[in-house]
N, C-alpha and C. Protein backbone atom coordinates (compact mmCIF):
# COMPACT_ATOMS: atom_id res chain seq x y z
N MET A 1 0.69 -1.23 -0.03
CA MET A 1 -0.16 -0.12 -0.10
C MET A 1 1.11 1.11 0.28
N GLU A 2 0.66 2.16 -0.81
CA GLU A 2 1.48 3.42 -1.39
C GLU A 2 1.18 4.63 -0.35
N PRO A 3 1.93 5.47 0.28
CA PRO A 3 1.55 5.96 0.94
C PRO A 3 0.46 6.98 1.01
N LYS A 4 -0.49 7.80 2.01
CA LYS A 4 -1.38 8.41 1.33
C LYS A 4 -1.55 9.66 2.25
N LYS A 5 -1.95 10.64 2.32
CA LYS A 5 -2.13 11.97 3.32
C LYS A 5 -3.42 11.61 4.22
N CYS A 6 -2.63 11.92 5.54
CA CYS A 6 -4.15 11.69 6.39
C CYS A 6 -3.77 12.38 7.39
N VAL A 7 -4.50 12.57 8.65
CA VAL A 7 -4.11 13.43 9.73
C VAL A 7 -3.85 12.48 11.13
N ASP A 8 -2.58 13.17 11.31
CA ASP A 8 -1.84 12.17 12.29
C ASP A 8 -2.91 12.51 13.65
N LEU A 9 -3.05 11.65 14.03
CA LEU A 9 -4.25 11.35 15.25
C LEU A 9 -3.94 11.97 16.50
N LEU A 10 -2.38 12.46 16.67
CA LEU A 10 -2.07 12.77 17.77
C LEU A 10 -2.00 14.28 17.99
N SER A 11 -1.46 14.85 16.90
CA SER A 11 -0.95 16.40 16.68
C SER A 11 -2.24 17.20 15.67
N GLY A 12 -2.60 15.98 14.97
CA GLY A 12 -3.90 16.98 13.91
C GLY A 12 -3.34 17.35 12.81
N GLU A 13 -1.81 17.20 12.60
CA GLU A 13 -1.53 17.65 11.36
C GLU A 13 -0.96 16.68 10.22
N LYS A 14 -1.58 17.42 9.00
CA LYS A 14 -0.89 16.63 8.13
C LYS A 14 -0.05 16.08 7.60
N LYS A 15 0.21 15.07 7.20
CA LYS A 15 1.45 14.20 6.94
C LYS A 15 1.63 13.12 5.97
N LYS A 16 2.30 12.87 5.63
CA LYS A 16 2.64 11.42 4.79
C LYS A 16 2.67 10.34 5.71
N LYS A 17 2.05 9.44 5.48
CA LYS A 17 2.38 8.50 6.58
C LYS A 17 1.40 6.99 6.10
N ASN A 18 2.33 5.97 6.19
CA ASN A 18 1.92 4.63 5.47
C ASN A 18 0.59 4.30 6.73
N VAL A 19 -0.61 4.51 6.21
CA VAL A 19 -2.01 4.07 7.28
C VAL A 19 -3.09 3.37 6.86
N ARG A 20 -3.14 2.32 7.14
CA ARG A 20 -4.18 1.25 6.99
C ARG A 20 -5.27 1.33 7.88
N TRP A 21 -6.44 1.42 7.46
CA TRP A 21 -7.85 1.58 8.77
C TRP A 21 -8.21 0.55 8.90
N THR A 22 -7.89 -0.91 8.47
CA THR A 22 -8.49 -1.92 8.73
C THR A 22 -8.47 -2.58 9.79
N THR A 23 -7.32 -2.39 10.50
CA THR A 23 -6.93 -3.25 11.80
C THR A 23 -7.47 -2.64 12.81
N ALA A 24 -7.99 -3.22 13.93
CA ALA A 24 -8.51 -2.67 15.25
C ALA A 24 -8.05 -2.09 15.93
N GLU A 25 -6.48 -1.65 15.67
CA GLU A 25 -5.73 -1.37 16.80
C GLU A 25 -5.62 0.01 15.95
N ASP A 26 -5.94 0.48 14.73
CA ASP A 26 -5.65 2.17 14.05
C ASP A 26 -6.83 2.57 14.40
N LEU A 27 -7.98 1.76 14.24
CA LEU A 27 -9.31 1.88 14.60
C LEU A 27 -10.10 2.93 16.33
N LYS A 28 -9.30 2.07 16.79
CA LYS A 28 -8.98 2.01 18.85
C LYS A 28 -8.36 3.65 18.84
N LEU A 29 -7.34 3.53 17.90
CA LEU A 29 -6.12 5.01 17.89
C LEU A 29 -7.33 6.16 17.58
N TRP A 30 -7.84 6.11 16.80
CA TRP A 30 -8.69 7.17 16.08
C TRP A 30 -9.91 7.73 17.17
N SER A 31 -10.55 6.66 17.23
CA SER A 31 -11.99 7.01 18.31
C SER A 31 -11.30 7.03 19.91
N SER A 32 -10.00 6.44 20.16
CA SER A 32 -9.53 7.09 21.63
C SER A 32 -9.25 8.68 21.37
N SER A 33 -8.81 9.32 20.55
CA SER A 33 -8.30 10.47 20.30
C SER A 33 -9.92 11.26 20.78
N SER A 34 -9.37 12.67 20.60
CA SER A 34 -10.70 13.59 21.01
C SER A 34 -10.61 14.47 19.66
N HIS A 35 -10.95 14.15 18.64
CA HIS A 35 -11.08 14.56 17.50
C HIS A 35 -12.43 15.15 17.40
N THR A 36 -12.64 16.23 16.47
CA THR A 36 -13.74 16.90 16.25
C THR A 36 -14.20 16.74 14.47
N TRP A 37 -15.71 17.22 14.33
CA TRP A 37 -16.22 17.12 12.97
C TRP A 37 -15.02 17.64 12.05
N ALA A 38 -14.43 18.37 12.28
CA ALA A 38 -13.37 19.39 11.91
C ALA A 38 -12.19 18.29 11.25
N ASP A 39 -11.86 17.34 12.30
CA ASP A 39 -10.93 16.15 11.79
C ASP A 39 -11.44 15.47 10.86
N MET A 40 -13.02 15.26 10.82
CA MET A 40 -13.33 13.88 10.31
C MET A 40 -13.51 14.78 8.83
N ALA A 41 -13.85 15.94 8.44
CA ALA A 41 -14.08 16.48 7.55
C ALA A 41 -12.56 16.38 6.54
N ALA A 42 -11.24 16.34 6.89
CA ALA A 42 -10.08 16.55 6.83
C ALA A 42 -9.90 15.02 6.25
N ALA A 43 -10.12 14.03 7.29
CA ALA A 43 -9.96 12.79 6.83
C ALA A 43 -10.68 12.19 5.49
N VAL A 44 -12.05 13.20 5.25
CA VAL A 44 -13.02 12.59 3.96
C VAL A 44 -11.77 13.39 3.01
N HIS A 45 -11.74 14.68 3.14
CA HIS A 45 -10.73 15.47 2.21
C HIS A 45 -9.16 14.37 1.48
N ASN A 46 -9.12 13.83 2.52
CA ASN A 46 -7.80 12.89 2.20
C ASN A 46 -8.13 11.37 1.90
N ASP A 47 -9.59 11.56 1.50
CA ASP A 47 -10.25 10.25 1.23
C ASP A 47 -9.95 8.76 2.10
N ASP A 48 -10.01 9.46 3.35
CA ASP A 48 -9.60 8.26 4.31
C ASP A 48 -11.29 7.84 5.00
N ILE A 49 -11.81 7.19 3.94
CA ILE A 49 -13.15 6.75 4.00
C ILE A 49 -13.22 5.83 5.83
N LYS A 50 -12.37 5.02 5.63
CA LYS A 50 -12.76 4.06 6.73
C LYS A 50 -12.34 4.94 7.92
N ALA A 51 -11.40 5.64 7.96
CA ALA A 51 -11.42 6.74 9.49
C ALA A 51 -12.42 7.74 9.68
N VAL A 52 -12.68 8.05 8.73
CA VAL A 52 -14.10 9.12 8.46
C VAL A 52 -15.51 7.89 9.34
N ARG A 53 -15.37 6.62 8.82
CA ARG A 53 -16.61 5.95 9.25
C ARG A 53 -16.21 5.73 11.03
N ALA A 54 -15.49 5.32 11.36
CA ALA A 54 -14.64 5.07 12.38
C ALA A 54 -15.24 6.42 13.56
N LYS A 55 -14.86 7.51 12.93
CA LYS A 55 -15.06 8.46 13.65
C LYS A 55 -16.50 8.88 14.05
N PHE A 56 -17.18 9.17 12.54
CA PHE A 56 -18.50 9.18 12.80
C PHE A 56 -19.19 8.60 13.88
N LEU A 57 -19.18 7.18 13.66
CA LEU A 57 -19.59 6.29 14.61
C LEU A 57 -19.43 6.38 16.31
N GLN A 58 -18.23 6.98 16.48
CA GLN A 58 -17.51 7.39 17.89
C GLN A 58 -18.15 8.26 18.16
N LEU A 59 -18.30 9.51 17.38
CA LEU A 59 -19.38 10.40 17.43
C LEU A 59 -20.91 10.18 17.58
N THR A 60 -21.07 9.69 17.18
CA THR A 60 -22.96 9.36 17.31
C THR A 60 -23.12 8.41 18.23
N THR A 61 -22.24 7.41 18.70
CA THR A 61 -22.41 6.57 19.53
C THR A 61 -21.70 6.45 20.71
N LYS A 62 -20.98 7.56 20.79
CA LYS A 62 -20.17 8.04 22.11
C LYS A 62 -19.49 6.21 22.72
N LYS A 63 -19.08 5.53 21.88
CA LYS A 63 -18.54 4.42 22.33
C LYS A 63 -17.16 4.08 21.56
N ARG A 64 -16.29 3.35 21.81
CA ARG A 64 -15.38 2.89 21.07
C ARG A 64 -15.47 2.14 20.43
N VAL A 65 -14.53 1.74 19.23
CA VAL A 65 -14.38 0.65 18.30
C VAL A 65 -14.35 -0.56 18.63
N SER A 66 -13.80 -0.44 20.23
CA SER A 66 -13.94 -2.29 20.83
C SER A 66 -15.06 -2.61 21.49
N THR A 67 -15.88 -1.80 21.52
CA THR A 67 -17.18 -2.14 22.16
C THR A 67 -18.38 -1.68 21.39
N TRP A 68 -17.97 -1.52 20.03
CA TRP A 68 -19.05 -1.79 19.11
C TRP A 68 -19.89 -2.75 18.86
N THR A 69 -21.30 -3.00 18.82
CA THR A 69 -22.30 -3.89 18.63
C THR A 69 -22.06 -4.51 17.25
N ARG A 70 -22.79 -5.67 16.74
CA ARG A 70 -23.05 -6.22 15.72
C ARG A 70 -23.57 -5.45 14.74
N ASP A 71 -24.53 -4.57 15.40
CA ASP A 71 -25.99 -3.72 14.78
C ASP A 71 -24.52 -2.61 14.49
N GLU A 72 -24.00 -1.72 15.26
CA GLU A 72 -23.41 -0.41 14.49
C GLU A 72 -22.29 -1.13 13.90
N GLY A 73 -21.63 -2.19 13.50
CA GLY A 73 -20.88 -2.90 12.84
C GLY A 73 -21.18 -3.08 11.26
N ASP A 74 -22.60 -3.54 11.21
CA ASP A 74 -23.50 -3.49 10.31
C ASP A 74 -23.55 -1.99 9.75
N LEU A 75 -23.77 -0.84 10.56
CA LEU A 75 -24.14 0.42 10.37
C LEU A 75 -22.92 0.82 9.18
N LEU A 76 -21.47 0.72 9.83
CA LEU A 76 -20.53 0.83 9.56
C LEU A 76 -20.18 0.28 7.81
N LYS A 77 -20.83 -0.89 7.92
CA LYS A 77 -20.48 -1.67 6.55
C LYS A 77 -21.39 -0.82 5.51
N GLN A 78 -22.88 -0.32 5.90
CA GLN A 78 -23.78 0.29 4.69
C GLN A 78 -23.50 1.66 4.35
N LEU A 79 -22.30 2.41 4.97
CA LEU A 79 -21.65 3.47 4.92
C LEU A 79 -21.26 3.44 3.38
N THR A 80 -21.52 4.73 2.74
CA THR A 80 -20.88 4.43 1.07
C THR A 80 -20.04 5.82 1.14
N LEU A 81 -19.49 5.62 -0.36
CA LEU A 81 -18.38 6.58 -0.24
C LEU A 81 -19.39 8.24 -0.55
N LYS A 82 -20.69 8.05 -1.13
CA LYS A 82 -21.58 9.21 -1.27
C LYS A 82 -22.02 9.58 0.11
N ASP A 83 -22.24 8.74 1.06
CA ASP A 83 -22.86 9.08 2.43
C ASP A 83 -21.67 9.89 3.15
N ARG A 84 -20.62 9.62 3.18
CA ARG A 84 -19.64 10.58 4.09
C ARG A 84 -19.78 12.25 3.79
N LYS A 85 -20.16 12.64 3.03
CA LYS A 85 -20.78 14.05 2.54
C LYS A 85 -21.84 14.28 3.24
N ASP A 86 -22.87 13.28 3.26
CA ASP A 86 -24.01 13.47 3.65
C ASP A 86 -24.29 12.86 5.13
N HIS A 87 -23.94 14.49 5.92
CA HIS A 87 -23.85 14.18 7.50
C HIS A 87 -25.57 13.57 8.02
N SER A 88 -26.56 14.14 7.33
CA SER A 88 -27.67 14.21 7.32
C SER A 88 -28.16 12.71 7.66
N LYS A 89 -27.85 12.19 6.37
CA LYS A 89 -28.10 10.76 5.96
C LYS A 89 -27.84 9.88 7.10
N LEU A 90 -26.50 10.23 7.47
CA LEU A 90 -25.66 9.23 8.46
C LEU A 90 -26.09 9.30 9.83
N ASN A 91 -26.72 10.48 10.10
CA ASN A 91 -27.63 10.56 11.49
C ASN A 91 -28.79 10.26 11.19
N ARG A 92 -29.30 10.51 10.34
CA ARG A 92 -30.54 9.48 10.52
C ARG A 92 -30.59 7.85 10.73
N MET A 93 -29.40 7.56 9.96
CA MET A 93 -28.95 6.23 9.90
C MET A 93 -29.10 5.62 11.62
N THR A 94 -28.20 6.53 12.22
CA THR A 94 -27.70 6.28 13.71
C THR A 94 -28.91 6.59 14.24
N GLN A 95 -29.70 7.26 14.19
CA GLN A 95 -31.11 7.51 15.08
C GLN A 95 -31.89 6.23 14.92
N LYS A 96 -31.83 5.72 13.57
CA LYS A 96 -32.89 4.48 13.24
C LYS A 96 -32.22 3.32 14.59
N LEU A 97 -30.90 3.24 14.00
CA LEU A 97 -30.32 2.51 14.73
C LEU A 97 -30.46 2.58 16.75
N LYS A 98 -30.53 3.47 17.17
CA LYS A 98 -30.68 4.29 18.51
C LYS A 98 -32.32 3.41 18.60
N LYS A 99 -33.19 4.22 18.03
CA LYS A 99 -34.50 3.82 18.15
C LYS A 99 -34.56 2.36 17.98
N GLY A 100 -34.29 1.49 17.16
CA GLY A 100 -34.49 -0.01 16.90
C GLY A 100 -33.76 -0.33 18.71
N LYS A 101 -32.90 -0.11 19.21
CA LYS A 101 -32.18 -0.27 20.39
C LYS A 101 -33.04 0.10 21.59
N GLU A 102 -33.87 0.99 21.47
CA GLU A 102 -34.64 1.48 22.82
C GLU A 102 -35.98 1.10 22.47
N VAL A 103 -36.44 0.47 21.28
CA VAL A 103 -37.70 -0.48 21.28
C VAL A 103 -37.67 -1.97 21.92
N GLU A 104 -36.19 -2.50 21.47
CA GLU A 104 -36.01 -3.44 21.76
C GLU A 104 -35.94 -3.80 23.39
N ALA A 105 -34.90 -2.67 23.98
CA ALA A 105 -35.24 -2.48 26.07
C ALA A 105 -36.24 -2.58 25.94
N SER A 106 -37.73 -1.49 25.84
CA SER A 106 -38.91 -1.66 26.24
C SER A 106 -39.56 -3.01 26.14
N LEU A 107 -39.28 -3.23 24.73
CA LEU A 107 -40.08 -5.16 24.64
C LEU A 107 -39.74 -5.93 25.83
N ALA A 108 -38.45 -5.79 25.94
CA ALA A 108 -37.42 -6.74 26.91
C ALA A 108 -38.10 -6.49 28.27
N ALA A 109 -38.23 -5.22 28.41
CA ALA A 109 -38.69 -5.19 30.05
C ALA A 109 -40.17 -5.42 30.17
N ARG A 110 -41.40 -4.75 29.00
CA ARG A 110 -42.50 -5.60 29.24
C ARG A 110 -42.71 -6.78 29.22
N VAL A 111 -41.72 -7.83 28.81
CA VAL A 111 -41.88 -9.04 28.80
C VAL A 111 -41.41 -9.56 29.75
N GLU A 112 -40.58 -8.68 30.79
CA GLU A 112 -40.00 -9.33 31.74
C GLU A 112 -41.26 -8.65 33.23
N GLU A 113 -42.07 -7.70 32.45
CA GLU A 113 -43.23 -7.30 33.68
C GLU A 113 -43.96 -8.10 33.65
N GLU A 114 -44.59 -8.84 32.43
CA GLU A 114 -45.43 -9.66 32.58
C GLU A 114 -45.51 -10.96 32.86
N HIS A 115 -43.93 -11.63 32.75
CA HIS A 115 -43.22 -12.40 33.28
C HIS A 115 -43.50 -12.47 35.12
N LEU A 116 -43.46 -11.50 35.53
CA LEU A 116 -42.79 -11.54 36.79
C LEU A 116 -44.84 -11.01 37.52
N GLU A 117 -45.59 -10.52 36.99
CA GLU A 117 -47.01 -10.89 37.26
C GLU A 117 -47.69 -12.21 37.09
N GLN A 118 -47.04 -12.90 36.04
CA GLN A 118 -47.75 -14.12 36.29
C GLN A 118 -47.26 -15.24 36.95
N GLU A 119 -46.22 -14.75 37.49
CA GLU A 119 -45.51 -15.49 38.80
C GLU A 119 -46.37 -15.32 40.32
N ARG A 120 -47.03 -14.29 40.08
CA ARG A 120 -47.51 -13.63 41.36
C ARG A 120 -48.71 -14.38 41.18
């Protein structure tokens, strides 16, 4: 893989560097740093879409990559190159994912309540 421009994760300065955003370690490093949407935009500009996806999910879910659920991983796979410029679409996708989790949680609570009532 040839070097490409990217954002240095620690200093925020642009520099050439061999980067492969496919390893969990790279993704953890990106998501554990305190970068902003501006840094994400710089990564988009440098065509580093996997870093952008990791940062987007980290910003919207407030989670580290190592704690992503399978659903969040599926969301990551759904993002396309076109989506990187469409933050509203990304936000809608994330909201849909969060809403689904809330519905699942409320259903689980309701089932548990019914189970407790049946035991009485």
